[in-house]
C-alpha atoms as a PDB file:
ATOM      1  CA  UNK A   1       1.884  24.599   3.839  1.00  0.00           C
ATOM      2  CA  UNK A   2      -0.612  23.526   6.756  1.00  0.00           C
ATOM      3  CA  UNK A   3      -0.128  20.219   8.620  1.00  0.00           C
ATOM      4  CA  UNK A   4      -1.784  18.372  11.704  1.00  0.00           C
ATOM      5  CA  UNK A   5       0.249  17.000  14.535  1.00  0.00           C
ATOM      6  CA  UNK A   6       0.258  13.264  15.310  1.00  0.00           C
ATOM      7  CA  UNK A   7      -2.769  13.275  17.777  1.00  0.00           C
ATOM      8  CA  UNK A   8      -4.994  14.983  15.218  1.00  0.00           C
ATOM      9  CA  UNK A   9      -3.710  12.752  12.189  1.00  0.00           C
ATOM     10  CA  UNK A  10      -4.748   9.654  14.273  1.00  0.00           C
ATOM     11  CA  UNK A  11      -8.370  11.106  14.379  1.00  0.00           C
ATOM     12  CA  UNK A  12      -8.071  11.617  10.653  1.00  0.00           C
ATOM     13  CA  UNK A  13      -6.720   8.255   9.957  1.00  0.00           C
ATOM     14  CA  UNK A  14      -9.615   6.470  12.108  1.00  0.00           C
ATOM     15  CA  UNK A  15     -12.342   8.277   9.939  1.00  0.00           C
ATOM     16  CA  UNK A  16     -10.592   7.329   6.661  1.00  0.00           C
ATOM     17  CA  UNK A  17     -10.386   3.640   8.067  1.00  0.00           C
ATOM     18  CA  UNK A  18     -14.182   3.856   8.795  1.00  0.00           C
ATOM     19  CA  UNK A  19     -15.071   5.059   5.628  1.00  0.00           C
ATOM     20  CA  UNK A  20     -13.178   2.689   3.603  1.00  0.00           C
ATOM     21  CA  UNK A  21     -15.359  -0.293   5.339  1.00  0.00           C
ATOM     22  CA  UNK A  22     -18.694   1.284   4.134  1.00  0.00           C
ATOM     23  CA  UNK A  23     -17.706   1.376   0.620  1.00  0.00           C
ATOM     24  CA  UNK A  24     -19.940  -1.332  -1.505  1.00  0.00           C
ATOM     25  CA  UNK A  25     -18.224  -4.234  -3.056  1.00  0.00           C
ATOM     26  CA  UNK A  26     -18.477  -2.494  -6.459  1.00  0.00           C
ATOM     27  CA  UNK A  27     -16.596   0.841  -5.044  1.00  0.00           C
ATOM     28  CA  UNK A  28     -14.218  -1.142  -3.150  1.00  0.00           C
ATOM     29  CA  UNK A  29     -13.195  -3.043  -6.554  1.00  0.00           C
ATOM     30  CA  UNK A  30     -12.939  -0.316  -8.434  1.00  0.00           C
ATOM     31  CA  UNK A  31     -10.814   1.789  -6.340  1.00  0.00           C
ATOM     32  CA  UNK A  32      -8.875  -1.210  -5.609  1.00  0.00           C
ATOM     33  CA  UNK A  33      -8.081  -1.883  -9.354  1.00  0.00           C
ATOM     34  CA  UNK A  34      -7.271   1.679  -9.796  1.00  0.00           C
ATOM     35  CA  UNK A  35      -4.798   1.687  -6.967  1.00  0.00           C
ATOM     36  CA  UNK A  36      -3.038  -1.669  -8.217  1.00  0.00           C
ATOM     37  CA  UNK A  37      -3.014  -0.194 -11.730  1.00  0.00           C
ATOM     38  CA  UNK A  38      -1.222   3.103 -10.385  1.00  0.00           C
ATOM     39  CA  UNK A  39       1.202   1.107  -8.402  1.00  0.00           C
ATOM     40  CA  UNK A  40       2.169  -1.012 -11.265  1.00  0.00           C
ATOM     41  CA  UNK A  41       2.572   2.080 -13.642  1.00  0.00           C
ATOM     42  CA  UNK A  42       4.722   3.435 -11.047  1.00  0.00           C
ATOM     43  CA  UNK A  43       6.860   0.227 -11.017  1.00  0.00           C
ATOM     44  CA  UNK A  44       6.626   0.320 -15.089  1.00  0.00           C
ATOM     45  CA  UNK A  45       7.911   3.759 -14.870  1.00  0.00           C
ATOM     46  CA  UNK A  46      11.033   2.612 -12.793  1.00  0.00           C
ATOM     47  CA  UNK A  47      11.774  -0.140 -15.374  1.00  0.00           C
ATOM     48  CA  UNK A  48      11.761   2.236 -18.160  1.00  0.00           C
ATOM     49  CA  UNK A  49      14.053   5.066 -16.440  1.00  0.00           C
ATOM     50  CA  UNK A  50      16.587   2.719 -15.200  1.00  0.00           C
ATOM     51  CA  UNK A  51      16.593   0.031 -17.850  1.00  0.00           C
ATOM     52  CA  UNK A  52      18.884   1.811 -20.346  1.00  0.00           C
ATOM     53  CA  UNK A  53      21.372   3.311 -17.817  1.00  0.00           C
ATOM     54  CA  UNK A  54      25.038   2.492 -17.933  1.00  0.00           C
ATOM     55  CA  UNK A  55      28.120   3.485 -16.507  1.00  0.00           C
ATOM     56  CA  UNK A  56      28.188   5.651 -13.332  1.00  0.00           C
ATOM     57  CA  UNK A  57      24.647   6.015 -13.603  1.00  0.00           C
ATOM     58  CA  UNK A  58      23.674   2.588 -13.506  1.00  0.00           C
ATOM     59  CA  UNK A  59      25.366   2.588 -10.100  1.00  0.00           C
ATOM     60  CA  UNK A  60      22.622   5.244  -8.881  1.00  0.00           C
ATOM     61  CA  UNK A  61      19.869   3.220 -10.887  1.00  0.00           C
ATOM     62  CA  UNK A  62      18.154   2.413  -7.391  1.00  0.00           C
ATOM     63  CA  UNK A  63      17.744   6.158  -6.301  1.00  0.00           C
ATOM     64  CA  UNK A  64      16.800   7.127  -9.824  1.00  0.00           C
ATOM     65  CA  UNK A  65      14.111   4.492 -10.082  1.00  0.00           C
ATOM     66  CA  UNK A  66      12.790   5.307  -6.183  1.00  0.00           C
ATOM     67  CA  UNK A  67      12.780   9.005  -7.253  1.00  0.00           C
ATOM     68  CA  UNK A  68       9.894   8.317  -9.849  1.00  0.00           C
ATOM     69  CA  UNK A  69       8.006   5.259  -8.596  1.00  0.00           C
ATOM     70  CA  UNK A  70       6.230   7.251  -5.763  1.00  0.00           C
ATOM     71  CA  UNK A  71       3.599   8.453  -8.629  1.00  0.00           C
ATOM     72  CA  UNK A  72       1.775   5.465  -8.103  1.00  0.00           C
ATOM     73  CA  UNK A  73       1.056   6.092  -4.477  1.00  0.00           C
ATOM     74  CA  UNK A  74       0.515   9.660  -5.164  1.00  0.00           C
ATOM     75  CA  UNK A  75      -2.210   8.940  -7.714  1.00  0.00           C
ATOM     76  CA  UNK A  76      -3.677   6.525  -5.375  1.00  0.00           C
ATOM     77  CA  UNK A  77      -4.105   8.889  -2.583  1.00  0.00           C
ATOM     78  CA  UNK A  78      -4.830  12.002  -4.283  1.00  0.00           C
ATOM     79  CA  UNK A  79      -6.815  10.719  -7.506  1.00  0.00           C
ATOM     80  CA  UNK A  80      -8.628   8.137  -5.654  1.00  0.00           C
ATOM     81  CA  UNK A  81      -7.874   4.433  -4.866  1.00  0.00           C
ATOM     82  CA  UNK A  82      -7.845   1.523  -2.159  1.00  0.00           C
ATOM     83  CA  UNK A  83      -4.336   0.348  -1.592  1.00  0.00           C
ATOM     84  CA  UNK A  84      -3.798  -2.663   0.490  1.00  0.00           C
ATOM     85  CA  UNK A  85      -0.685  -1.579   2.458  1.00  0.00           C
ATOM     86  CA  UNK A  86      -2.538   1.992   3.254  1.00  0.00           C
ATOM     87  CA  UNK A  87      -5.570  -0.231   4.455  1.00  0.00           C
ATOM     88  CA  UNK A  88      -3.327  -2.458   6.517  1.00  0.00           C
ATOM     89  CA  UNK A  89      -3.101   0.737   8.622  1.00  0.00           C
ATOM     90  CA  UNK A  90      -6.062   2.998   8.441  1.00  0.00           C
ATOM     91  CA  UNK A  91      -8.684   0.031   8.981  1.00  0.00           C
ATOM     92  CA  UNK A  92      -6.921  -1.359  11.753  1.00  0.00           C
ATOM     93  CA  UNK A  93      -6.765   1.803  13.411  1.00  0.00           C
ATOM     94  CA  UNK A  94     -10.411   2.099  13.327  1.00  0.00           C
ATOM     95  CA  UNK A  95     -10.811  -1.110  14.746  1.00  0.00           C
ATOM     96  CA  UNK A  96      -8.599  -0.228  17.697  1.00  0.00           C
ATOM     97  CA  UNK A  97     -10.769   2.751  18.090  1.00  0.00           C
ATOM     98  CA  UNK A  98     -13.891   0.456  18.370  1.00  0.00           C
ATOM     99  CA  UNK A  99     -15.310   1.893  15.515  1.00  0.00           C
ATOM    100  CA  UNK A 100     -15.336  -1.188  12.981  1.00  0.00           C
ATOM    101  CA  UNK A 101     -15.617  -4.969  13.684  1.00  0.00           C
ATOM    102  CA  UNK A 102     -12.664  -7.523  12.881  1.00  0.00           C
ATOM    103  CA  UNK A 103     -14.797  -8.867  10.402  1.00  0.00           C
ATOM    104  CA  UNK A 104     -15.029  -5.615   8.330  1.00  0.00           C
ATOM    105  CA  UNK A 105     -11.315  -5.437   8.746  1.00  0.00           C
ATOM    106  CA  UNK A 106     -10.526  -8.783   6.914  1.00  0.00           C
ATOM    107  CA  UNK A 107     -13.526  -8.333   4.516  1.00  0.00           C
ATOM    108  CA  UNK A 108     -11.832  -4.920   3.286  1.00  0.00           C
ATOM    109  CA  UNK A 109      -8.230  -6.328   3.082  1.00  0.00           C
ATOM    110  CA  UNK A 110      -9.628  -9.446   1.261  1.00  0.00           C
ATOM    111  CA  UNK A 111     -11.526  -6.981  -1.587  1.00  0.00           C
ATOM    112  CA  UNK A 112      -8.944  -4.617  -1.850  1.00  0.00           C
ATOM    113  CA  UNK A 113      -6.140  -7.251  -2.025  1.00  0.00           C
ATOM    114  CA  UNK A 114      -8.085  -8.947  -4.991  1.00  0.00           C
ATOM    115  CA  UNK A 115      -8.990  -5.893  -6.911  1.00  0.00           C
ATOM    116  CA  UNK A 116      -5.211  -4.718  -6.332  1.00  0.00           C
ATOM    117  CA  UNK A 117      -4.099  -7.780  -7.786  1.00  0.00           C
ATOM    118  CA  UNK A 118      -6.282  -7.151 -11.159  1.00  0.00           C
ATOM    119  CA  UNK A 119      -5.135  -3.850 -11.426  1.00  0.00           C
ATOM    120  CA  UNK A 120      -1.365  -4.810 -11.423  1.00  0.00           C
ATOM    121  CA  UNK A 121      -1.893  -7.763 -13.621  1.00  0.00           C
ATOM    122  CA  UNK A 122      -3.702  -5.846 -16.139  1.00  0.00           C
ATOM    123  CA  UNK A 123      -0.839  -3.332 -16.137  1.00  0.00           C
ATOM    124  CA  UNK A 124       1.705  -6.238 -16.277  1.00  0.00           C
ATOM    125  CA  UNK A 125      -0.232  -7.968 -19.296  1.00  0.00           C
ATOM    126  CA  UNK A 126      -1.457  -5.208 -21.445  1.00  0.00           C
ATOM    127  CA  UNK A 127       1.391  -2.796 -21.041  1.00  0.00           C
ATOM    128  CA  UNK A 128       4.395  -4.871 -20.183  1.00  0.00           C
ATOM    129  CA  UNK A 129       3.567  -8.192 -22.323  1.00  0.00           C
ATOM    130  CA  UNK A 130       1.436  -7.203 -24.825  1.00  0.00           C
ATOM    131  CA  UNK A 131       2.872  -3.770 -25.805  1.00  0.00           C
ATOM    132  CA  UNK A 132       6.173  -5.316 -24.805  1.00  0.00           C
ATOM    133  CA  UNK A 133       7.330  -2.545 -22.207  1.00  0.00           C
ATOM    134  CA  UNK A 134       8.763  -5.139 -20.011  1.00  0.00           C
ATOM    135  CA  UNK A 135      10.064  -7.598 -22.563  1.00  0.00           C
ATOM    136  CA  UNK A 136      12.471  -5.916 -24.931  1.00  0.00           C
ATOM    137  CA  UNK A 137      15.970  -5.809 -24.393  1.00  0.00           C
ATOM    138  CA  UNK A 138      17.491  -3.939 -21.445  1.00  0.00           C
ATOM    139  CA  UNK A 139      13.754  -3.630 -19.908  1.00  0.00           C
ATOM    140  CA  UNK A 140      13.219  -7.206 -20.099  1.00  0.00           C
ATOM    141  CA  UNK A 141      16.701  -7.808 -17.963  1.00  0.00           C
ATOM    142  CA  UNK A 142      15.661  -5.302 -15.741  1.00  0.00           C
ATOM    143  CA  UNK A 143      12.304  -6.605 -15.132  1.00  0.00           C
ATOM    144  CA  UNK A 144      13.867 -10.432 -14.650  1.00  0.00           C
ATOM    145  CA  UNK A 145      16.459  -9.109 -12.332  1.00  0.00           C
ATOM    146  CA  UNK A 146      14.316  -7.368  -9.879  1.00  0.00           C
ATOM    147  CA  UNK A 147      11.772 -10.550  -9.884  1.00  0.00           C
ATOM    148  CA  UNK A 148      14.975 -12.903  -9.215  1.00  0.00           C
ATOM    149  CA  UNK A 149      16.074 -10.724  -6.283  1.00  0.00           C
ATOM    150  CA  UNK A 150      12.538 -10.706  -4.885  1.00  0.00           C
ATOM    151  CA  UNK A 151      12.039 -14.595  -5.261  1.00  0.00           C
ATOM    152  CA  UNK A 152      15.355 -15.540  -4.037  1.00  0.00           C
ATOM    153  CA  UNK A 153      14.669 -14.012  -0.648  1.00  0.00           C
ATOM    154  CA  UNK A 154      13.799 -16.755   2.113  1.00  0.00           C
ATOM    155  CA  UNK A 155      10.465 -16.571   3.744  1.00  0.00           C
ATOM    156  CA  UNK A 156      11.940 -14.858   6.802  1.00  0.00           C
ATOM    157  CA  UNK A 157      13.973 -12.202   4.680  1.00  0.00           C
ATOM    158  CA  UNK A 158      10.886 -11.592   2.513  1.00  0.00           C
ATOM    159  CA  UNK A 159       8.459 -11.039   5.827  1.00  0.00           C
ATOM    160  CA  UNK A 160      11.139  -8.961   7.363  1.00  0.00           C
ATOM    161  CA  UNK A 161      11.628  -7.006   4.375  1.00  0.00           C
ATOM    162  CA  UNK A 162       7.792  -6.617   4.067  1.00  0.00           C
ATOM    163  CA  UNK A 163       7.690  -5.049   7.428  1.00  0.00           C
ATOM    164  CA  UNK A 164      10.139  -2.468   6.563  1.00  0.00           C
ATOM    165  CA  UNK A 165       8.303  -1.748   3.363  1.00  0.00           C
ATOM    166  CA  UNK A 166       5.017  -0.937   4.984  1.00  0.00           C
ATOM    167  CA  UNK A 167       6.523   0.970   8.096  1.00  0.00           C
ATOM    168  CA  UNK A 168       7.733   3.464   5.491  1.00  0.00           C
ATOM    169  CA  UNK A 169       4.431   3.263   3.213  1.00  0.00           C
ATOM    170  CA  UNK A 170       1.945   3.578   5.864  1.00  0.00           C
ATOM    171  CA  UNK A 171       3.943   6.217   7.024  1.00  0.00           C
ATOM    172  CA  UNK A 172       3.682   8.036   3.908  1.00  0.00           C
ATOM    173  CA  UNK A 173      -0.021   7.601   4.011  1.00  0.00           C
ATOM    174  CA  UNK A 174      -0.323   8.933   7.620  1.00  0.00           C
ATOM    175  CA  UNK A 175       1.701  11.998   6.535  1.00  0.00           C
ATOM    176  CA  UNK A 176      -0.547  12.788   3.462  1.00  0.00           C
ATOM    177  CA  UNK A 177      -3.541  12.733   5.779  1.00  0.00           C
ATOM    178  CA  UNK A 178      -1.725  14.904   8.171  1.00  0.00           C
ATOM    179  CA  UNK A 179      -1.478  17.678   5.159  1.00  0.00           C
ATOM    180  CA  UNK A 180      -3.617  20.086   4.332  1.00  0.00           C
ATOM    181  CA  UNK A 181      -2.770  21.065   0.797  1.00  0.00           C
ATOM    182  CA  UNK A 182      -1.852  18.859  -2.507  1.00  0.00           C
ATOM    183  CA  UNK A 183       1.780  20.101  -2.343  1.00  0.00           C
ATOM    184  CA  UNK A 184       1.965  18.864   1.467  1.00  0.00           C
ATOM    185  CA  UNK A 185       0.473  15.564   0.493  1.00  0.00           C
ATOM    186  CA  UNK A 186       2.579  15.015  -2.401  1.00  0.00           C
ATOM    187  CA  UNK A 187       5.751  16.009  -0.215  1.00  0.00           C
ATOM    188  CA  UNK A 188       4.579  13.599   2.556  1.00  0.00           C
ATOM    189  CA  UNK A 189       4.059  10.714   0.422  1.00  0.00           C
ATOM    190  CA  UNK A 190       7.144  11.064  -1.978  1.00  0.00           C
ATOM    191  CA  UNK A 191      10.176  10.528   0.437  1.00  0.00           C
ATOM    192  CA  UNK A 192       8.876   7.463   2.558  1.00  0.00           C
ATOM    193  CA  UNK A 193       7.796   5.757  -0.661  1.00  0.00           C
ATOM    194  CA  UNK A 194      11.172   6.615  -2.187  1.00  0.00           C
ATOM    195  CA  UNK A 195      12.958   5.318   0.845  1.00  0.00           C
ATOM    196  CA  UNK A 196      11.521   1.884   0.629  1.00  0.00           C
ATOM    197  CA  UNK A 197      12.165   1.414  -2.950  1.00  0.00           C
ATOM    198  CA  UNK A 198      15.769   2.567  -2.908  1.00  0.00           C
ATOM    199  CA  UNK A 199      16.486   0.391   0.111  1.00  0.00           C
ATOM    200  CA  UNK A 200      14.843  -2.475  -1.789  1.00  0.00           C
ATOM    201  CA  UNK A 201      12.096  -3.602   0.736  1.00  0.00           C
ATOM    202  CA  UNK A 202       9.319  -5.822  -0.911  1.00  0.00           C
ATOM    203  CA  UNK A 203       5.686  -4.436  -1.245  1.00  0.00           C
ATOM    204  CA  UNK A 204       3.076  -6.974  -1.679  1.00  0.00           C
ATOM    205  CA  UNK A 205       1.071  -4.889  -4.350  1.00  0.00           C
ATOM    206  CA  UNK A 206       4.149  -3.759  -6.501  1.00  0.00           C
ATOM    207  CA  UNK A 207       5.270  -7.422  -6.516  1.00  0.00           C
ATOM    208  CA  UNK A 208       1.742  -8.242  -8.331  1.00  0.00           C
ATOM    209  CA  UNK A 209       3.239  -6.381 -11.020  1.00  0.00           C
ATOM    210  CA  UNK A 210       6.890  -6.993 -11.388  1.00  0.00           C
ATOM    211  CA  UNK A 211       6.724 -10.834 -10.827  1.00  0.00           C
ATOM    212  CA  UNK A 212       3.949 -11.659 -12.922  1.00  0.00           C
ATOM    213  CA  UNK A 213       5.390  -9.291 -15.787  1.00  0.00           C
ATOM    214  CA  UNK A 214       8.573 -11.660 -15.483  1.00  0.00           C
ATOM    215  CA  UNK A 215       6.293 -14.816 -15.486  1.00  0.00           C
ATOM    216  CA  UNK A 216       4.238 -13.461 -18.705  1.00  0.00           C
ATOM    217  CA  UNK A 217       7.812 -13.289 -20.235  1.00  0.00           C
ATOM    218  CA  UNK A 218       8.719 -16.796 -19.749  1.00  0.00           C
ATOM    219  CA  UNK A 219      10.330 -16.739 -16.600  1.00  0.00           C
ATOM    220  CA  UNK A 220       9.699 -18.005 -13.097  1.00  0.00           C
ATOM    221  CA  UNK A 221       6.496 -19.695 -12.164  1.00  0.00           C
ATOM    222  CA  UNK A 222       3.227 -18.886 -10.341  1.00  0.00           C
ATOM    223  CA  UNK A 223       4.109 -21.203  -7.515  1.00  0.00           C
ATOM    224  CA  UNK A 224       7.287 -19.038  -7.118  1.00  0.00           C
ATOM    225  CA  UNK A 225       5.286 -16.271  -7.065  1.00  0.00           C
ATOM    226  CA  UNK A 226       2.715 -17.444  -4.317  1.00  0.00           C
ATOM    227  CA  UNK A 227       5.779 -18.207  -2.051  1.00  0.00           C
ATOM    228  CA  UNK A 228       6.718 -14.717  -2.093  1.00  0.00           C
ATOM    229  CA  UNK A 229       3.539 -13.371  -1.812  1.00  0.00           C
ATOM    230  CA  UNK A 230       2.809 -14.904   1.543  1.00  0.00           C
ATOM    231  CA  UNK A 231       5.605 -13.538   3.605  1.00  0.00           C
ATOM    232  CA  UNK A 232       5.388 -10.268   1.789  1.00  0.00           C
ATOM    233  CA  UNK A 233       1.863  -9.657   2.625  1.00  0.00           C
ATOM    234  CA  UNK A 234       2.036 -10.916   6.133  1.00  0.00           C
ATOM    235  CA  UNK A 235       5.257  -8.490   6.773  1.00  0.00           C
ATOM    236  CA  UNK A 236       3.104  -5.735   5.163  1.00  0.00           C
ATOM    237  CA  UNK A 237       0.606  -6.371   7.452  1.00  0.00           C
ATOM    238  CA  UNK A 238       2.769  -6.278  10.525  1.00  0.00           C
ATOM    239  CA  UNK A 239       4.388  -3.078   9.137  1.00  0.00           C
ATOM    240  CA  UNK A 240       1.252  -1.149   8.968  1.00  0.00           C
ATOM    241  CA  UNK A 241      -0.715  -2.569  11.939  1.00  0.00           C
ATOM    242  CA  UNK A 242       1.780  -2.842  14.464  1.00  0.00           C
ATOM    243  CA  UNK A 243       4.495  -0.445  13.660  1.00  0.00           C
ATOM    244  CA  UNK A 244       2.059   2.384  12.908  1.00  0.00           C
ATOM    245  CA  UNK A 245      -1.409   1.816  13.665  1.00  0.00           C
ATOM    246  CA  UNK A 246      -0.955   0.087  17.041  1.00  0.00           C
ATOM    247  CA  UNK A 247       2.225   2.225  17.950  1.00  0.00           C
ATOM    248  CA  UNK A 248       0.582   5.356  17.499  1.00  0.00           C
ATOM    249  CA  UNK A 249      -2.955   4.335  18.968  1.00  0.00           C
ATOM    250  CA  UNK A 250      -0.871   3.049  22.232  1.00  0.00           C
ATOM    251  CA  UNK A 251       0.926   6.506  22.267  1.00  0.00           C
ATOM    252  CA  UNK A 252      -1.846   8.701  21.664  1.00  0.00           C
ATOM    253  CA  UNK A 253      -5.262   7.207  22.560  1.00  0.00           C
ATOM    254  CA  UNK A 254      -4.915   4.081  24.532  1.00  0.00           C
ATOM    255  CA  UNK A 255      -5.816   5.748  27.617  1.00  0.00           C
ATOM    256  CA  UNK A 256      -8.794   7.472  26.858  1.00  0.00           C
ATOM    257  CA  UNK A 257     -11.877   5.627  27.345  1.00  0.00           C
ATOM    258  CA  UNK A 258     -14.176   4.753  24.832  1.00  0.00           C
ATOM    259  CA  UNK A 259     -12.160   6.643  22.301  1.00  0.00           C
ATOM    260  CA  UNK A 260     -14.317   7.615  19.417  1.00  0.00           C
ATOM    261  CA  UNK A 261     -17.250   5.051  20.090  1.00  0.00           C
ATOM    262  CA  UNK A 262     -20.070   5.820  18.423  1.00  0.00           C
ATOM    263  CA  UNK A 263     -22.743   7.140  21.444  1.00  0.00           C
ATOM    264  CA  UNK A 264     -25.965   4.943  21.723  1.00  0.00           C
ATOM    265  CA  UNK A 265     -29.056   6.691  20.485  1.00  0.00           C
ATOM    266  CA  UNK A 266     -31.708   6.504  22.850  1.00  0.00           C
ATOM    267  CA  UNK A 267     -35.246   6.177  21.483  1.00  0.00           C
ATOM    268  CA  UNK A 268     -37.773   8.586  23.185  1.00  0.00           C
ATOM    269  CA  UNK A 269     -39.886   5.646  23.834  1.00  0.00           C
ATOM    270  CA  UNK A 270     -37.191   3.930  25.476  1.00  0.00           C
ATOM    271  CA  UNK A 271     -36.698   7.037  27.998  1.00  0.00           C
ATOM    272  CA  UNK A 272     -40.646   7.045  28.656  1.00  0.00           C
ATOM    273  CA  UNK A 273     -40.379   3.414  29.537  1.00  0.00           C
ATOM    274  CA  UNK A 274     -37.113   4.148  31.846  1.00  0.00           C
ATOM    275  CA  UNK A 275     -39.298   6.595  33.798  1.00  0.00           C
END
């Protein structure tokens, strides 16, 4: 099970960040839809596995649910997908390395955010609402309980929770980039993702599924969702950009001049004129 050291992972991550900004709008939207749906399916699995637990098992429901939730991020990173929280680490790192512009960073975030939302809402509406997977018996109770817990957090609490979430999720993405085979990538993704879910941190894309699922069931409002979305989005951005991208860039690459700046190609005619 081969893996790369952090100073090598940062180079791999930069290249991935650059690659993400070069996708067409259609590519980004398709891959963003897939990632939003994958994360939603992971959360749906969480609800279906833990919704009927009773007795002593109910006390372990957070850990049991957290152990199956990572399937969403595994599918995103291995099958293919563009996830906002991962891009909040990889694309800013490419910006710090002067490989992309700030405009490209925010354009990528916007497109991925919209497409993640469409994918998550698709799963919440068609599988959760129309099929009824989040709206029957104990599963409805679980969905409402989770959404209520997220919505009752204050702006500051949701913001800080968002930081903790993407500190771990971005770490999972970082580890997956550093692994050389599928087993190593799955292991690297699984444990940090399981940790953020078990702790109860807030993930902006996961919330795109569970809160709308509760709304479709007749609970809460879209305005309440928006008041949660903003601080969680900002917290996730800080967690991925500051606590992973900037931290490792300053630790490993800050003092390397012109790190990864693409060399200027001089046309032969310019050389002639220079003479």
